[in-house]
C-alpha atoms as a PDB file:
ATOM      1  CA  MET A   1     -80.707  35.875 100.049  1.00  0.00           C
ATOM      2  CA  LYS A   2     -83.160  33.817 102.042  1.00  0.00           C
ATOM      3  CA  LEU A   3     -85.256  32.653  99.059  1.00  0.00           C
ATOM      4  CA  LYS A   4     -82.452  31.900  96.583  1.00  0.00           C
ATOM      5  CA  ASP A   5     -83.751  28.432  95.689  1.00  0.00           C
ATOM      6  CA  THR A   6     -87.407  29.476  95.560  1.00  0.00           C
ATOM      7  CA  LYS A   7     -89.425  29.631  92.334  1.00  0.00           C
ATOM      8  CA  VAL A   8     -92.448  31.914  92.227  1.00  0.00           C
ATOM      9  CA  LEU A   9     -95.205  32.039  89.631  1.00  0.00           C
ATOM     10  CA  GLN A  10     -97.030  35.354  89.177  1.00  0.00           C
ATOM     11  CA  VAL A  11    -100.084  35.167  86.894  1.00  0.00           C
ATOM     12  CA  VAL A  12    -101.166  38.180  84.858  1.00  0.00           C
ATOM     13  CA  ASP A  13    -103.881  39.453  82.554  1.00  0.00           C
ATOM     14  CA  GLU A  14    -105.090  42.869  81.447  1.00  0.00           C
ATOM     15  CA  ALA A  15    -106.112  45.485  84.030  1.00  0.00           C
ATOM     16  CA  PHE A  16    -104.144  43.986  86.926  1.00  0.00           C
ATOM     17  CA  GLU A  17    -103.693  46.279  89.931  1.00  0.00           C
ATOM     18  CA  ASP A  18    -100.219  47.655  89.237  1.00  0.00           C
ATOM     19  CA  LEU A  19     -98.904  47.666  92.818  1.00  0.00           C
ATOM     20  CA  GLU A  20    -100.499  44.321  93.674  1.00  0.00           C
ATOM     21  CA  LEU A  21     -98.537  42.676  90.872  1.00  0.00           C
ATOM     22  CA  TRP A  22     -95.231  44.534  90.871  1.00  0.00           C
ATOM     23  CA  TYR A  23     -94.654  44.993  94.607  1.00  0.00           C
ATOM     24  CA  PRO A  24     -94.795  41.216  95.288  1.00  0.00           C
ATOM     25  CA  VAL A  25     -92.637  40.437  92.234  1.00  0.00           C
ATOM     26  CA  LEU A  26     -89.970  42.910  93.306  1.00  0.00           C
ATOM     27  CA  ARG A  27     -90.038  41.820  96.968  1.00  0.00           C
ATOM     28  CA  MET A  28     -89.660  38.153  96.013  1.00  0.00           C
ATOM     29  CA  ARG A  29     -86.778  38.988  93.668  1.00  0.00           C
ATOM     30  CA  GLU A  30     -85.196  41.111  96.413  1.00  0.00           C
ATOM     31  CA  ALA A  31     -85.331  38.072  98.711  1.00  0.00           C
ATOM     32  CA  GLY A  32     -83.528  36.003  96.059  1.00  0.00           C
ATOM     33  CA  ALA A  33     -86.440  34.117  94.487  1.00  0.00           C
ATOM     34  CA  THR A  34     -86.788  33.482  90.773  1.00  0.00           C
ATOM     35  CA  VAL A  35     -90.100  34.917  89.566  1.00  0.00           C
ATOM     36  CA  ASP A  36     -91.776  33.827  86.338  1.00  0.00           C
ATOM     37  CA  ILE A  37     -94.781  35.714  84.993  1.00  0.00           C
ATOM     38  CA  ALA A  38     -97.389  33.721  83.092  1.00  0.00           C
ATOM     39  CA  GLY A  39    -100.082  35.047  80.811  1.00  0.00           C
ATOM     40  CA  THR A  40    -102.188  33.751  77.941  1.00  0.00           C
ATOM     41  CA  GLU A  41     -99.076  33.780  75.771  1.00  0.00           C
ATOM     42  CA  LYS A  42     -95.345  34.125  76.302  1.00  0.00           C
ATOM     43  CA  GLY A  43     -93.914  37.574  75.549  1.00  0.00           C
ATOM     44  CA  LYS A  44     -97.235  39.394  75.607  1.00  0.00           C
ATOM     45  CA  VAL A  45     -97.282  42.811  77.260  1.00  0.00           C
ATOM     46  CA  TYR A  46    -100.208  43.346  79.622  1.00  0.00           C
ATOM     47  CA  THR A  47    -101.215  46.763  80.949  1.00  0.00           C
ATOM     48  CA  GLY A  48    -102.157  47.454  84.545  1.00  0.00           C
ATOM     49  CA  LYS A  49    -105.094  49.609  85.622  1.00  0.00           C
ATOM     50  CA  TYR A  50    -102.791  52.620  85.926  1.00  0.00           C
ATOM     51  CA  GLY A  51    -100.795  51.963  82.768  1.00  0.00           C
ATOM     52  CA  VAL A  52     -97.796  50.036  84.098  1.00  0.00           C
ATOM     53  CA  PRO A  53     -96.781  47.280  81.649  1.00  0.00           C
ATOM     54  CA  CYS A  54     -95.887  43.682  82.476  1.00  0.00           C
ATOM     55  CA  GLU A  55     -94.478  41.220  79.948  1.00  0.00           C
ATOM     56  CA  SER A  56     -95.174  37.538  80.455  1.00  0.00           C
ATOM     57  CA  THR A  57     -92.197  35.196  80.474  1.00  0.00           C
ATOM     58  CA  HIS A  58     -94.365  32.096  80.005  1.00  0.00           C
ATOM     59  CA  ALA A  59     -97.767  31.010  78.693  1.00  0.00           C
ATOM     60  CA  PHE A  60    -100.197  29.410  81.142  1.00  0.00           C
ATOM     61  CA  GLU A  61    -100.228  26.193  79.092  1.00  0.00           C
ATOM     62  CA  ASP A  62     -96.439  25.849  79.426  1.00  0.00           C
ATOM     63  CA  ILE A  63     -96.466  25.985  83.226  1.00  0.00           C
ATOM     64  CA  ASN A  64     -95.774  22.887  85.291  1.00  0.00           C
ATOM     65  CA  PRO A  65     -96.981  23.660  88.840  1.00  0.00           C
ATOM     66  CA  ASP A  66     -94.460  21.144  90.199  1.00  0.00           C
ATOM     67  CA  ASP A  67     -91.703  23.591  89.199  1.00  0.00           C
ATOM     68  CA  TYR A  68     -92.945  26.300  91.592  1.00  0.00           C
ATOM     69  CA  ASP A  69     -92.998  26.876  95.330  1.00  0.00           C
ATOM     70  CA  VAL A  70     -95.308  29.933  95.402  1.00  0.00           C
ATOM     71  CA  LEU A  71     -98.240  31.225  93.359  1.00  0.00           C
ATOM     72  CA  LEU A  72     -99.129  34.926  93.407  1.00  0.00           C
ATOM     73  CA  VAL A  73    -102.451  36.210  92.073  1.00  0.00           C
ATOM     74  CA  PRO A  74    -102.815  40.001  91.712  1.00  0.00           C
ATOM     75  CA  GLY A  75    -105.938  42.032  92.197  1.00  0.00           C
ATOM     76  CA  GLY A  76    -107.496  44.599  89.926  1.00  0.00           C
ATOM     77  CA  TRP A  77    -109.792  43.410  87.166  1.00  0.00           C
ATOM     78  CA  ALA A  78    -107.385  40.722  85.947  1.00  0.00           C
ATOM     79  CA  PRO A  79    -108.789  38.053  88.319  1.00  0.00           C
ATOM     80  CA  ASP A  80    -112.152  38.231  86.541  1.00  0.00           C
ATOM     81  CA  LYS A  81    -110.312  37.167  83.365  1.00  0.00           C
ATOM     82  CA  LEU A  82    -107.857  34.766  85.016  1.00  0.00           C
ATOM     83  CA  ARG A  83    -110.634  32.684  86.579  1.00  0.00           C
ATOM     84  CA  ARG A  84    -112.005  31.887  83.113  1.00  0.00           C
ATOM     85  CA  TYR A  85    -108.888  30.004  81.940  1.00  0.00           C
ATOM     86  CA  ASP A  86    -108.899  26.284  82.690  1.00  0.00           C
ATOM     87  CA  SER A  87    -105.103  26.320  82.578  1.00  0.00           C
ATOM     88  CA  VAL A  88    -104.971  28.881  85.420  1.00  0.00           C
ATOM     89  CA  LEU A  89    -107.522  26.978  87.503  1.00  0.00           C
ATOM     90  CA  ASN A  90    -105.543  23.765  86.993  1.00  0.00           C
ATOM     91  CA  ILE A  91    -102.365  25.511  88.211  1.00  0.00           C
ATOM     92  CA  VAL A  92    -104.189  26.819  91.292  1.00  0.00           C
ATOM     93  CA  LYS A  93    -105.716  23.410  92.063  1.00  0.00           C
ATOM     94  CA  ALA A  94    -102.385  21.609  91.690  1.00  0.00           C
ATOM     95  CA  MET A  95    -100.547  24.072  93.915  1.00  0.00           C
ATOM     96  CA  ASP A  96    -103.349  23.878  96.481  1.00  0.00           C
ATOM     97  CA  GLN A  97    -103.255  20.080  96.474  1.00  0.00           C
ATOM     98  CA  ASP A  98     -99.493  20.202  97.147  1.00  0.00           C
ATOM     99  CA  LYS A  99    -100.051  22.809  99.892  1.00  0.00           C
ATOM    100  CA  LYS A 100     -97.750  25.318  98.217  1.00  0.00           C
ATOM    101  CA  VAL A 101     -98.002  28.951  99.282  1.00  0.00           C
ATOM    102  CA  ILE A 102    -100.759  30.756  97.378  1.00  0.00           C
ATOM    103  CA  GLY A 103    -100.943  34.531  97.771  1.00  0.00           C
ATOM    104  CA  GLN A 104    -104.081  36.398  96.755  1.00  0.00           C
ATOM    105  CA  ILE A 105    -104.892  40.069  97.204  1.00  0.00           C
ATOM    106  CA  CYS A 106    -107.924  42.277  96.641  1.00  0.00           C
ATOM    107  CA  HIS A 107    -110.098  40.748  93.857  1.00  0.00           C
ATOM    108  CA  ALA A 108    -107.766  37.733  93.424  1.00  0.00           C
ATOM    109  CA  GLY A 109    -110.126  35.699  95.603  1.00  0.00           C
ATOM    110  CA  TRP A 110    -112.260  35.235  92.494  1.00  0.00           C
ATOM    111  CA  VAL A 111    -109.581  32.953  91.046  1.00  0.00           C
ATOM    112  CA  LEU A 112    -109.424  30.807  94.175  1.00  0.00           C
ATOM    113  CA  ILE A 113    -113.238  30.645  94.297  1.00  0.00           C
ATOM    114  CA  SER A 114    -113.388  29.449  90.684  1.00  0.00           C
ATOM    115  CA  ALA A 115    -110.670  26.872  91.448  1.00  0.00           C
ATOM    116  CA  ASP A 116    -112.906  25.691  94.305  1.00  0.00           C
ATOM    117  CA  ILE A 117    -110.207  25.861  96.984  1.00  0.00           C
ATOM    118  CA  VAL A 118    -111.544  28.341  99.563  1.00  0.00           C
ATOM    119  CA  GLU A 119    -114.114  26.199 101.342  1.00  0.00           C
ATOM    120  CA  GLY A 120    -113.123  26.049 105.007  1.00  0.00           C
ATOM    121  CA  ALA A 121    -110.388  28.673 104.650  1.00  0.00           C
ATOM    122  CA  THR A 122    -110.302  31.963 106.539  1.00  0.00           C
ATOM    123  CA  VAL A 123    -109.487  34.828 104.177  1.00  0.00           C
ATOM    124  CA  THR A 124    -109.657  38.530 103.577  1.00  0.00           C
ATOM    125  CA  SER A 125    -110.087  40.538 100.386  1.00  0.00           C
ATOM    126  CA  THR A 126    -111.510  43.753  99.102  1.00  0.00           C
ATOM    127  CA  PRO A 127    -114.955  44.133 100.737  1.00  0.00           C
ATOM    128  CA  ALA A 128    -116.536  43.678  97.287  1.00  0.00           C
ATOM    129  CA  LEU A 129    -115.794  39.919  97.520  1.00  0.00           C
ATOM    130  CA  ILE A 130    -117.218  39.274 100.990  1.00  0.00           C
ATOM    131  CA  ASP A 131    -120.396  37.587  99.713  1.00  0.00           C
ATOM    132  CA  ASP A 132    -118.546  35.678  96.970  1.00  0.00           C
ATOM    133  CA  LEU A 133    -116.045  34.228  99.435  1.00  0.00           C
ATOM    134  CA  LYS A 134    -118.668  33.402 102.052  1.00  0.00           C
ATOM    135  CA  ASN A 135    -120.886  31.748  99.425  1.00  0.00           C
ATOM    136  CA  ALA A 136    -117.871  29.633  98.390  1.00  0.00           C
ATOM    137  CA  GLY A 137    -117.548  28.399 101.985  1.00  0.00           C
ATOM    138  CA  ALA A 138    -114.770  30.650 103.299  1.00  0.00           C
ATOM    139  CA  THR A 139    -114.804  32.652 106.511  1.00  0.00           C
ATOM    140  CA  TRP A 140    -114.097  36.310 105.685  1.00  0.00           C
ATOM    141  CA  ILE A 141    -112.431  38.650 108.186  1.00  0.00           C
ATOM    142  CA  ASP A 142    -111.363  42.272 107.862  1.00  0.00           C
ATOM    143  CA  GLU A 143    -107.613  42.141 108.534  1.00  0.00           C
ATOM    144  CA  PRO A 144    -104.643  43.451 106.523  1.00  0.00           C
ATOM    145  CA  VAL A 145    -103.370  39.903 105.971  1.00  0.00           C
ATOM    146  CA  VAL A 146    -104.740  36.472 106.824  1.00  0.00           C
ATOM    147  CA  LYS A 147    -102.806  33.198 106.725  1.00  0.00           C
ATOM    148  CA  SER A 148    -105.016  30.115 106.525  1.00  0.00           C
ATOM    149  CA  GLY A 149    -102.715  27.155 106.071  1.00  0.00           C
ATOM    150  CA  HIS A 150    -100.881  27.757 102.802  1.00  0.00           C
ATOM    151  CA  ILE A 151    -103.347  30.412 101.545  1.00  0.00           C
ATOM    152  CA  ILE A 152    -102.318  33.972 102.352  1.00  0.00           C
ATOM    153  CA  SER A 153    -104.745  36.769 101.568  1.00  0.00           C
ATOM    154  CA  SER A 154    -104.745  40.534 101.781  1.00  0.00           C
ATOM    155  CA  ARG A 155    -107.171  43.382 101.140  1.00  0.00           C
ATOM    156  CA  ARG A 156    -105.562  46.244  99.203  1.00  0.00           C
ATOM    157  CA  PRO A 157    -102.309  47.958  98.165  1.00  0.00           C
ATOM    158  CA  SER A 158    -101.799  49.628 101.550  1.00  0.00           C
ATOM    159  CA  ASP A 159    -101.554  46.118 103.090  1.00  0.00           C
ATOM    160  CA  LEU A 160     -98.747  44.994 100.755  1.00  0.00           C
ATOM    161  CA  PRO A 161     -95.864  45.307 103.267  1.00  0.00           C
ATOM    162  CA  GLN A 162     -97.596  42.987 105.782  1.00  0.00           C
ATOM    163  CA  TYR A 163     -98.804  40.683 103.000  1.00  0.00           C
ATOM    164  CA  MET A 164     -95.330  40.174 101.589  1.00  0.00           C
ATOM    165  CA  GLU A 165     -93.729  39.794 105.006  1.00  0.00           C
ATOM    166  CA  THR A 166     -96.204  36.996 105.754  1.00  0.00           C
ATOM    167  CA  ILE A 167     -95.627  35.285 102.390  1.00  0.00           C
ATOM    168  CA  ILE A 168     -91.845  35.426 102.717  1.00  0.00           C
ATOM    169  CA  GLU A 169     -92.011  34.079 106.293  1.00  0.00           C
ATOM    170  CA  ALA A 170     -94.260  31.214 105.143  1.00  0.00           C
ATOM    171  CA  VAL A 171     -91.877  30.292 102.330  1.00  0.00           C
ATOM    172  CA  VAL A 172     -88.822  30.414 104.595  1.00  0.00           C
ATOM    173  CA  LYS A 173     -90.557  28.023 107.035  1.00  0.00           C
ATOM    174  CA  ASP A 174     -91.249  25.601 104.170  1.00  0.00           C
ATOM    175  CA  LEU A 175     -87.611  25.569 102.996  1.00  0.00           C
END
C-alpha cells in the first residue's frame, strides 16, 4: 500500500458530483491512504447530484490542515457552496502555503479562486470556468489533467483515471 501513511481531506457539500467525490476517495483508500470527509458538521449526510449519499466524518471547523497531506475538492454544484465558508478557504490557503497536493476537478476551481491561490498556476476545469480562472490570473488549458506545482486539476468524470493517477504519483514523490 503505497500511501499507507498518507492522510487525505475530502471536502463536501450538497449537490457534489457523485463520481468526482467518490472515485477519488475510493482510489486513495485503495492505495492505503486514510481519507477524512469534512462538511459543515460532523455526521451530516450530503446528497450528490445523482442521489449518492456521503456522510461527513468531520466538521470544517475541526480540521487542522497540518494533519493532512492532500486536499481533494469535488465538482458539481458543491464548490459554489464550499467557497463561501471561511473555514474551507482557510484550509485551502494553509495547504497551499505548505505546498501540499491540492486536487480540484470540474467546478472545484471556484474554491481555489475564492481562496486566491490560482494566480500564476496552469489549470484545467469544466469549460464553464475558463473566464473565472483566467480572471483570477491562471492559465487555462484543455487537457484531461494538469499538474502545476502542487495543484492538480481535471475537467470532468471521464478524466478521473488520469486525474487520480497523477495525484497518487505526486503524493508518492512527496513521501
